[in-house]
Structure formats: C-alpha cells, structure tokens
Amino acid sequence: MQRIANLLVIKDNQVLLLKKPRRDWYVAPGGKMDSGESIYNAAIREFEEETGATPVNPHVKGIYTMMIVDKESKELLNEWMLYTFAAQDLIGTPYESNREGLLEWHPVESLKILPMAEGDRTNLLFAASQTGVQYGTFYYTEEFELLEEHIQNSMEGDRD
C-alpha cells in the first residue's frame, strides 16, 4: 500500500497549491512517504522539497483511504493511504515552480471550483475551513473519476 502525505498552508485566506501539468489539476504539496518515516516528518519533508519553504506548526487534518477500482468489475487495482496536514503560516518564499509543476496562491473559496480530483476537493476544503479531523474512503477509477466517497468528521471532545 502506498502512503502519501500532503500539506496545505492557509495564510491570509489563501492556500498554496501545486498545479500538476499532466491534467492541469491542483493538489496540496506532498508525496510518497519514505520507509520508516513518520507521517508528520513526511508531510514537512515533501512540503519543503516542493516549495522551498517551511510550514509553521503543521497538524493533521485528514486521514483517507484511496481505492482505485476497475469501473466495470469494481475489482481493486490499487490502494493508498493519504495523510493531509494543514499549517497557518510558512517561513520563506515558495518557489514559483518545481519539477512537479507550478506553485500558486489561491483564495480558499477557489477550492470549490479549481480543477482537481473530487476527493482532494473534499479533503482540502475541510482542511482549509473546518475544525477537527476528517476521515474517509474514496473510490476512484484508474482515470481518477470519483465513484463514491464515505466521510466521517471528528472534533476533540466528541463522544460519537
């Protein structure tokens, strides 16, 4: 199972996103975790590698299972875990681009309309505008068409 950590910086009602050239989709900076690496360290390392800046006090906002299935047979083709972190500030000036694509600041509201995987829209909107932690499972085709999602939210002190 592939493990991925990403990190969204939300500053002055703007989010720092990476525009990937393959589909012209937006994502939060992040990538694959190294063997034995903590999810926290992976999120910071990937953010720093992709942006040239350092996030301030990142915290986990979401833990997701991504299921890639055959659209017709529903056979499982691949499975990933995604750990989404958020930070309210950063140190340094982000690159304009990197080997992965272009880095751009966008208003938080634009997360509702920018081109991206629909599961990313769900988790980044939560990370940018909600309190607590979100959990979920997303079922995608190989072309990243979202077939279904199952979402749960929790807050510190909740008993449900």
C-alpha atoms as a PDB file:
ATOM      1  CA  MET A   1       0.000   0.000   0.000  1.00  0.00           C
ATOM      2  CA  GLN A   2       1.349   3.403  -0.987  1.00  0.00           C
ATOM      3  CA  ARG A   3       1.427   6.044   1.773  1.00  0.00           C
ATOM      4  CA  ILE A   4       1.225   9.720   0.833  1.00  0.00           C
ATOM      5  CA  ALA A   5       1.428  12.856   2.980  1.00  0.00           C
ATOM      6  CA  ASN A   6       0.449  16.325   1.802  1.00  0.00           C
ATOM      7  CA  LEU A   7       0.341  19.710   3.494  1.00  0.00           C
ATOM      8  CA  LEU A   8      -1.884  22.709   2.840  1.00  0.00           C
ATOM      9  CA  VAL A   9      -0.761  26.145   4.015  1.00  0.00           C
ATOM     10  CA  ILE A  10      -3.664  28.536   4.639  1.00  0.00           C
ATOM     11  CA  LYS A  11      -2.479  32.121   5.081  1.00  0.00           C
ATOM     12  CA  ASP A  12      -4.486  35.360   4.763  1.00  0.00           C
ATOM     13  CA  ASN A  13      -7.466  33.388   3.375  1.00  0.00           C
ATOM     14  CA  GLN A  14      -5.240  31.978   0.612  1.00  0.00           C
ATOM     15  CA  VAL A  15      -3.982  28.429   0.051  1.00  0.00           C
ATOM     16  CA  LEU A  16      -0.713  27.395  -1.580  1.00  0.00           C
ATOM     17  CA  LEU A  17      -1.417  24.815  -4.286  1.00  0.00           C
ATOM     18  CA  LEU A  18       0.654  22.917  -6.807  1.00  0.00           C
ATOM     19  CA  LYS A  19      -0.687  22.796 -10.383  1.00  0.00           C
ATOM     20  CA  LYS A  20       0.343  19.464 -11.896  1.00  0.00           C
ATOM     21  CA  PRO A  21       0.958  19.629 -15.660  1.00  0.00           C
ATOM     22  CA  ARG A  22      -0.375  16.160 -16.549  1.00  0.00           C
ATOM     23  CA  ARG A  23      -4.044  17.038 -16.016  1.00  0.00           C
ATOM     24  CA  ASP A  24      -3.719  20.724 -15.034  1.00  0.00           C
ATOM     25  CA  TRP A  25      -5.165  19.689 -11.682  1.00  0.00           C
ATOM     26  CA  TYR A  26      -4.359  21.348  -8.377  1.00  0.00           C
ATOM     27  CA  VAL A  27      -3.082  19.463  -5.328  1.00  0.00           C
ATOM     28  CA  ALA A  28      -1.551  20.312  -1.975  1.00  0.00           C
ATOM     29  CA  PRO A  29       2.236  19.896  -1.994  1.00  0.00           C
ATOM     30  CA  GLY A  30       3.141  16.393  -0.890  1.00  0.00           C
ATOM     31  CA  GLY A  31       4.256  12.960  -1.951  1.00  0.00           C
ATOM     32  CA  LYS A  32       5.279   9.475  -1.003  1.00  0.00           C
ATOM     33  CA  MET A  33       6.445   8.635   2.480  1.00  0.00           C
ATOM     34  CA  ASP A  34       9.831   7.001   2.908  1.00  0.00           C
ATOM     35  CA  SER A  35      10.121   3.652   4.660  1.00  0.00           C
ATOM     36  CA  GLY A  36      10.123   4.152   8.440  1.00  0.00           C
ATOM     37  CA  GLU A  37       9.294   7.857   8.141  1.00  0.00           C
ATOM     38  CA  SER A  38       6.576   9.337  10.351  1.00  0.00           C
ATOM     39  CA  ILE A  39       3.596  10.878   8.576  1.00  0.00           C
ATOM     40  CA  TYR A  40       4.412  14.211  10.261  1.00  0.00           C
ATOM     41  CA  ASN A  41       8.018  14.217   9.041  1.00  0.00           C
ATOM     42  CA  ALA A  42       6.952  13.093   5.563  1.00  0.00           C
ATOM     43  CA  ALA A  43       4.446  15.944   5.220  1.00  0.00           C
ATOM     44  CA  ILE A  44       7.065  18.524   6.243  1.00  0.00           C
ATOM     45  CA  ARG A  45       9.825  16.993   4.099  1.00  0.00           C
ATOM     46  CA  GLU A  46       7.644  16.799   0.988  1.00  0.00           C
ATOM     47  CA  PHE A  47       6.339  20.346   1.506  1.00  0.00           C
ATOM     48  CA  GLU A  48       9.867  21.715   1.916  1.00  0.00           C
ATOM     49  CA  GLU A  49      11.164  19.794  -1.128  1.00  0.00           C
ATOM     50  CA  GLU A  50       8.334  21.017  -3.343  1.00  0.00           C
ATOM     51  CA  THR A  51       8.040  24.617  -2.109  1.00  0.00           C
ATOM     52  CA  GLY A  52      11.428  25.661  -0.715  1.00  0.00           C
ATOM     53  CA  ALA A  53       9.573  26.988   2.356  1.00  0.00           C
ATOM     54  CA  THR A  54       8.951  25.569   5.827  1.00  0.00           C
ATOM     55  CA  PRO A  55       5.430  25.142   7.260  1.00  0.00           C
ATOM     56  CA  VAL A  56       4.786  26.548  10.741  1.00  0.00           C
ATOM     57  CA  ASN A  57       3.155  24.209  13.302  1.00  0.00           C
ATOM     58  CA  PRO A  58       1.520  21.743  10.894  1.00  0.00           C
ATOM     59  CA  HIS A  59      -1.198  19.480  12.254  1.00  0.00           C
ATOM     60  CA  VAL A  60      -3.105  16.533  10.849  1.00  0.00           C
ATOM     61  CA  LYS A  61      -6.465  17.388   9.239  1.00  0.00           C
ATOM     62  CA  GLY A  62      -7.390  14.206   7.421  1.00  0.00           C
ATOM     63  CA  ILE A  63      -6.658  10.510   7.038  1.00  0.00           C
ATOM     64  CA  TYR A  64      -8.012   8.880   3.891  1.00  0.00           C
ATOM     65  CA  THR A  65      -8.049   5.560   2.096  1.00  0.00           C
ATOM     66  CA  MET A  66      -7.938   5.886  -1.688  1.00  0.00           C
ATOM     67  CA  MET A  67      -9.260   2.845  -3.531  1.00  0.00           C
ATOM     68  CA  ILE A  68      -8.544   2.567  -7.259  1.00  0.00           C
ATOM     69  CA  VAL A  69     -11.011   0.108  -8.794  1.00  0.00           C
ATOM     70  CA  ASP A  70     -11.960  -1.157 -12.228  1.00  0.00           C
ATOM     71  CA  LYS A  71     -15.031   0.837 -13.254  1.00  0.00           C
ATOM     72  CA  GLU A  72     -16.930  -2.194 -14.573  1.00  0.00           C
ATOM     73  CA  SER A  73     -15.901  -5.084 -12.333  1.00  0.00           C
ATOM     74  CA  LYS A  74     -15.140  -2.990  -9.196  1.00  0.00           C
ATOM     75  CA  GLU A  75     -12.001  -5.125  -8.808  1.00  0.00           C
ATOM     76  CA  LEU A  76      -9.433  -3.452  -6.544  1.00  0.00           C
ATOM     77  CA  LEU A  77      -6.430  -2.293  -8.589  1.00  0.00           C
ATOM     78  CA  ASN A  78      -4.540  -0.176  -6.076  1.00  0.00           C
ATOM     79  CA  GLU A  79      -4.917   1.241  -2.577  1.00  0.00           C
ATOM     80  CA  TRP A  80      -3.265   4.282  -0.983  1.00  0.00           C
ATOM     81  CA  MET A  81      -3.351   5.999   2.369  1.00  0.00           C
ATOM     82  CA  LEU A  82      -3.347   9.799   2.291  1.00  0.00           C
ATOM     83  CA  TYR A  83      -2.480  11.901   5.345  1.00  0.00           C
ATOM     84  CA  THR A  84      -3.408  15.580   4.958  1.00  0.00           C
ATOM     85  CA  PHE A  85      -1.828  18.239   7.165  1.00  0.00           C
ATOM     86  CA  ALA A  86      -2.506  21.967   7.442  1.00  0.00           C
ATOM     87  CA  ALA A  87      -0.469  24.929   8.653  1.00  0.00           C
ATOM     88  CA  GLN A  88      -1.474  28.563   9.097  1.00  0.00           C
ATOM     89  CA  ASP A  89       1.858  30.052   8.049  1.00  0.00           C
ATOM     90  CA  LEU A  90       5.210  29.319   6.449  1.00  0.00           C
ATOM     91  CA  ILE A  91       8.779  30.537   6.674  1.00  0.00           C
ATOM     92  CA  GLY A  92      10.478  31.577   3.454  1.00  0.00           C
ATOM     93  CA  THR A  93       9.250  32.387  -0.031  1.00  0.00           C
ATOM     94  CA  PRO A  94       7.838  29.450  -2.009  1.00  0.00           C
ATOM     95  CA  TYR A  95       9.312  28.601  -5.395  1.00  0.00           C
ATOM     96  CA  GLU A  96       7.296  29.697  -8.428  1.00  0.00           C
ATOM     97  CA  SER A  97       7.658  26.211  -9.880  1.00  0.00           C
ATOM     98  CA  ASN A  98       9.390  22.892  -9.315  1.00  0.00           C
ATOM     99  CA  ARG A  99       9.806  19.594 -11.152  1.00  0.00           C
ATOM    100  CA  GLU A 100       6.215  18.706 -10.191  1.00  0.00           C
ATOM    101  CA  GLY A 101       4.531  21.849 -11.564  1.00  0.00           C
ATOM    102  CA  LEU A 102       3.621  25.459 -10.738  1.00  0.00           C
ATOM    103  CA  LEU A 103       3.085  26.762  -7.196  1.00  0.00           C
ATOM    104  CA  GLU A 104       0.266  29.291  -6.893  1.00  0.00           C
ATOM    105  CA  TRP A 105      -1.643  31.051  -4.118  1.00  0.00           C
ATOM    106  CA  HIS A 106      -5.445  30.893  -4.484  1.00  0.00           C
ATOM    107  CA  PRO A 107      -8.336  32.142  -2.337  1.00  0.00           C
ATOM    108  CA  VAL A 108      -9.716  29.395  -0.070  1.00  0.00           C
ATOM    109  CA  GLU A 109     -13.084  29.757  -1.868  1.00  0.00           C
ATOM    110  CA  SER A 110     -11.450  28.722  -5.158  1.00  0.00           C
ATOM    111  CA  LEU A 111     -11.045  25.187  -3.781  1.00  0.00           C
ATOM    112  CA  LYS A 112     -14.728  24.779  -4.685  1.00  0.00           C
ATOM    113  CA  ILE A 113     -14.090  25.334  -8.411  1.00  0.00           C
ATOM    114  CA  LEU A 114     -10.434  24.717  -9.314  1.00  0.00           C
ATOM    115  CA  PRO A 115      -9.795  21.591 -11.386  1.00  0.00           C
ATOM    116  CA  MET A 116      -8.733  18.755  -9.061  1.00  0.00           C
ATOM    117  CA  ALA A 117      -9.633  15.223  -8.076  1.00  0.00           C
ATOM    118  CA  GLU A 118     -13.005  15.382  -6.299  1.00  0.00           C
ATOM    119  CA  GLY A 119     -11.652  13.599  -3.231  1.00  0.00           C
ATOM    120  CA  ASP A 120      -8.936  16.246  -2.995  1.00  0.00           C
ATOM    121  CA  ARG A 121     -11.655  18.906  -3.170  1.00  0.00           C
ATOM    122  CA  THR A 122     -13.405  17.265  -0.214  1.00  0.00           C
ATOM    123  CA  ASN A 123     -10.294  16.951   1.922  1.00  0.00           C
ATOM    124  CA  LEU A 124      -8.693  20.318   1.055  1.00  0.00           C
ATOM    125  CA  LEU A 125     -11.919  22.254   1.656  1.00  0.00           C
ATOM    126  CA  PHE A 126     -12.185  20.566   5.049  1.00  0.00           C
ATOM    127  CA  ALA A 127      -8.528  21.245   5.873  1.00  0.00           C
ATOM    128  CA  ALA A 128      -8.846  24.910   4.900  1.00  0.00           C
ATOM    129  CA  SER A 129     -12.158  25.765   6.520  1.00  0.00           C
ATOM    130  CA  GLN A 130     -13.241  23.279   9.204  1.00  0.00           C
ATOM    131  CA  THR A 131     -12.086  22.359  12.684  1.00  0.00           C
ATOM    132  CA  GLY A 132     -11.337  18.821  13.759  1.00  0.00           C
ATOM    133  CA  VAL A 133     -10.101  15.874  11.729  1.00  0.00           C
ATOM    134  CA  GLN A 134     -11.734  14.213   8.751  1.00  0.00           C
ATOM    135  CA  TYR A 135     -11.533  10.544   7.795  1.00  0.00           C
ATOM    136  CA  GLY A 136     -12.736   8.960   4.616  1.00  0.00           C
ATOM    137  CA  THR A 137     -12.559   6.444   1.849  1.00  0.00           C
ATOM    138  CA  PHE A 138     -12.629   7.453  -1.800  1.00  0.00           C
ATOM    139  CA  TYR A 139     -13.291   5.022  -4.654  1.00  0.00           C
ATOM    140  CA  TYR A 140     -11.792   6.087  -7.988  1.00  0.00           C
ATOM    141  CA  THR A 141     -11.411   4.653 -11.455  1.00  0.00           C
ATOM    142  CA  GLU A 142      -7.906   4.481 -12.937  1.00  0.00           C
ATOM    143  CA  GLU A 143      -8.674   7.842 -14.606  1.00  0.00           C
ATOM    144  CA  PHE A 144      -9.487   9.357 -11.182  1.00  0.00           C
ATOM    145  CA  GLU A 145     -13.207   9.585 -11.752  1.00  0.00           C
ATOM    146  CA  LEU A 146     -14.725   9.566  -8.270  1.00  0.00           C
ATOM    147  CA  LEU A 147     -17.229   6.721  -7.954  1.00  0.00           C
ATOM    148  CA  GLU A 148     -18.112   7.181  -4.276  1.00  0.00           C
ATOM    149  CA  GLU A 149     -16.857   8.641  -1.030  1.00  0.00           C
ATOM    150  CA  HIS A 150     -17.521   7.896   2.613  1.00  0.00           C
ATOM    151  CA  ILE A 151     -16.617  10.714   5.031  1.00  0.00           C
ATOM    152  CA  GLN A 152     -16.524  10.992   8.816  1.00  0.00           C
ATOM    153  CA  ASN A 153     -15.534  14.061  10.854  1.00  0.00           C
ATOM    154  CA  SER A 154     -14.425  14.272  14.470  1.00  0.00           C
ATOM    155  CA  MET A 155     -13.628  17.010  16.936  1.00  0.00           C
ATOM    156  CA  GLU A 156     -11.602  16.878  20.129  1.00  0.00           C
ATOM    157  CA  GLY A 157     -14.029  16.011  22.926  1.00  0.00           C
ATOM    158  CA  ASP A 158     -16.640  14.372  20.663  1.00  0.00           C
ATOM    159  CA  ARG A 159     -18.100  11.191  22.099  1.00  0.00           C
ATOM    160  CA  ASP A 160     -19.873   9.960  18.937  1.00  0.00           C
END
